[in-house]
Structures are given as structure tokens and as C-alpha cells.
C-alpha atoms as a PDB file:
ATOM      1  CA  MET A   1      24.244-100.706 -29.974  1.00  0.00           C
ATOM      2  CA  GLY A   2      24.391-101.405 -33.492  1.00  0.00           C
ATOM      3  CA  LEU A   3      25.339 -98.515 -36.131  1.00  0.00           C
ATOM      4  CA  ILE A   4      22.657 -95.250 -35.975  1.00  0.00           C
ATOM      5  CA  ASN A   5      19.362 -95.228 -38.461  1.00  0.00           C
ATOM      6  CA  GLY A   6      19.032 -92.945 -41.212  1.00  0.00           C
ATOM      7  CA  GLU A   7      20.989 -91.880 -44.516  1.00  0.00           C
ATOM      8  CA  ARG A   8      24.378 -92.131 -44.503  1.00  0.00           C
ATOM      9  CA  SER A   9      25.799 -91.060 -48.187  1.00  0.00           C
ATOM     10  CA  PRO A  10      26.808 -87.413 -47.928  1.00  0.00           C
ATOM     11  CA  LYS A  11      24.144 -84.405 -48.781  1.00  0.00           C
ATOM     12  CA  ARG A  12      26.268 -82.635 -51.118  1.00  0.00           C
ATOM     13  CA  LYS A  13      27.552 -85.180 -53.495  1.00  0.00           C
ATOM     14  CA  ARG A  14      30.657 -84.120 -55.856  1.00  0.00           C
ATOM     15  CA  ARG A  15      29.990 -82.707 -60.157  1.00  0.00           C
ATOM     16  CA  SER A  16      33.032 -83.091 -62.348  1.00  0.00           C
ATOM     17  CA  ALA A  17      33.662 -79.470 -63.036  1.00  0.00           C
ATOM     18  CA  ILE A  18      33.912 -80.596 -66.673  1.00  0.00           C
ATOM     19  CA  GLU A  19      30.955 -80.747 -68.968  1.00  0.00           C
ATOM     20  CA  GLU A  20      29.267 -83.864 -70.241  1.00  0.00           C
ATOM     21  CA  GLU A  21      30.317 -83.383 -74.301  1.00  0.00           C
ATOM     22  CA  ILE A  22      34.269 -82.250 -73.411  1.00  0.00           C
ATOM     23  CA  LYS A  23      33.929 -85.876 -71.585  1.00  0.00           C
ATOM     24  CA  GLY A  24      32.858 -87.534 -74.324  1.00  0.00           C
ATOM     25  CA  PHE A  25      35.120 -86.241 -77.040  1.00  0.00           C
ATOM     26  CA  ILE A  26      37.968 -87.618 -74.117  1.00  0.00           C
ATOM     27  CA  ILE A  27      36.562 -90.974 -74.236  1.00  0.00           C
ATOM     28  CA  LYS A  28      35.450 -91.134 -78.017  1.00  0.00           C
ATOM     29  CA  TYR A  29      39.300 -89.463 -78.739  1.00  0.00           C
ATOM     30  CA  ARG A  30      40.228 -92.296 -76.496  1.00  0.00           C
ATOM     31  CA  GLU A  31      38.434 -95.292 -78.357  1.00  0.00           C
ATOM     32  CA  GLN A  32      39.639 -93.844 -81.806  1.00  0.00           C
ATOM     33  CA  HIS A  33      43.007 -93.180 -81.137  1.00  0.00           C
ATOM     34  CA  LYS A  34      44.763 -96.068 -79.119  1.00  0.00           C
ATOM     35  CA  GLY A  35      48.097 -95.321 -77.317  1.00  0.00           C
ATOM     36  CA  VAL A  36      48.318 -91.598 -78.150  1.00  0.00           C
ATOM     37  CA  GLY A  37      49.882 -89.681 -74.975  1.00  0.00           C
ATOM     38  CA  GLN A  38      48.684 -86.966 -73.285  1.00  0.00           C
ATOM     39  CA  ARG A  39      50.358 -84.111 -75.308  1.00  0.00           C
ATOM     40  CA  CYS A  40      48.979 -85.067 -78.610  1.00  0.00           C
ATOM     41  CA  LYS A  41      45.521 -84.689 -77.100  1.00  0.00           C
ATOM     42  CA  LYS A  42      45.532 -82.008 -75.393  1.00  0.00           C
ATOM     43  CA  PRO A  43      45.576 -79.540 -78.640  1.00  0.00           C
ATOM     44  CA  GLU A  44      42.487 -81.724 -79.536  1.00  0.00           C
ATOM     45  CA  LEU A  45      40.951 -81.467 -77.142  1.00  0.00           C
ATOM     46  CA  ASP A  46      42.157 -77.188 -77.011  1.00  0.00           C
ATOM     47  CA  ARG A  47      40.582 -77.288 -80.923  1.00  0.00           C
ATOM     48  CA  TYR A  48      37.391 -78.931 -79.701  1.00  0.00           C
ATOM     49  CA  CYS A  49      36.643 -76.508 -77.622  1.00  0.00           C
ATOM     50  CA  GLU A  50      37.377 -73.675 -79.172  1.00  0.00           C
ATOM     51  CA  GLU A  51      34.958 -74.586 -81.863  1.00  0.00           C
ATOM     52  CA  LYS A  52      32.396 -75.276 -79.655  1.00  0.00           C
ATOM     53  CA  GLY A  53      33.050 -72.650 -77.463  1.00  0.00           C
ATOM     54  CA  LEU A  54      33.143 -74.233 -74.519  1.00  0.00           C
ATOM     55  CA  VAL A  55      35.715 -73.567 -71.623  1.00  0.00           C
ATOM     56  CA  GLY A  56      38.446 -76.670 -71.349  1.00  0.00           C
ATOM     57  CA  ASN A  57      41.293 -75.169 -70.203  1.00  0.00           C
ATOM     58  CA  ARG A  58      39.651 -76.880 -66.666  1.00  0.00           C
ATOM     59  CA  VAL A  59      40.248 -79.758 -68.048  1.00  0.00           C
ATOM     60  CA  THR A  60      44.006 -80.976 -66.511  1.00  0.00           C
ATOM     61  CA  ASN A  61      46.098 -84.142 -67.895  1.00  0.00           C
ATOM     62  CA  LEU A  62      45.100 -86.092 -65.145  1.00  0.00           C
ATOM     63  CA  GLN A  63      41.389 -85.811 -66.340  1.00  0.00           C
ATOM     64  CA  ILE A  64      42.641 -86.544 -70.114  1.00  0.00           C
ATOM     65  CA  LYS A  65      44.930 -89.379 -68.820  1.00  0.00           C
ATOM     66  CA  GLY A  66      41.618 -91.231 -67.345  1.00  0.00           C
ATOM     67  CA  ARG A  67      42.932 -91.066 -63.126  1.00  0.00           C
ATOM     68  CA  ARG A  68      41.432 -89.048 -61.285  1.00  0.00           C
ATOM     69  CA  LYS A  69      42.392 -88.267 -57.270  1.00  0.00           C
ATOM     70  CA  ASN A  70      39.599 -90.598 -55.489  1.00  0.00           C
ATOM     71  CA  LYS A  71      38.007 -93.299 -57.604  1.00  0.00           C
ATOM     72  CA  GLU A  72      34.436 -93.860 -57.466  1.00  0.00           C
END
């Protein structure tokens, strides 16, 4: 007996709760300000979201640091 044939990927794949625009800002900020801690990044992110009218309060500190619970 072998493995069952057919699709093995999940039917409903997870989607990030963070908008691509916010992800782009975080990545760009990290590249420009290397070594800056999360206490400096979060206020900048909040200002950016307020200017753009985005909901940035959902962004956790782990996401700002670039860590995830489930690595892809």
C-alpha cells in the first residue's frame, strides 16, 4: 500500500491579517534602520497607518520583529 492519491494541500490556506502595504513599510523600515528596536518601530508604524488610514493596531510586536509562530 502506498499513499492515497489526490490533493494534499489544505483547502483553505491561511491569509495574513496584515495588509501588503503595512508589510512593505515594515520591510523598508528594517532595511533603512538596521538595529532599531521594536519600541522605535511601533510608533513609526502607527504614524504611517494613521496617515494612510490603515488599521495598524492589529500588528503585533512579533510581526514587527519579523518572527512568526508558523514558519513557511
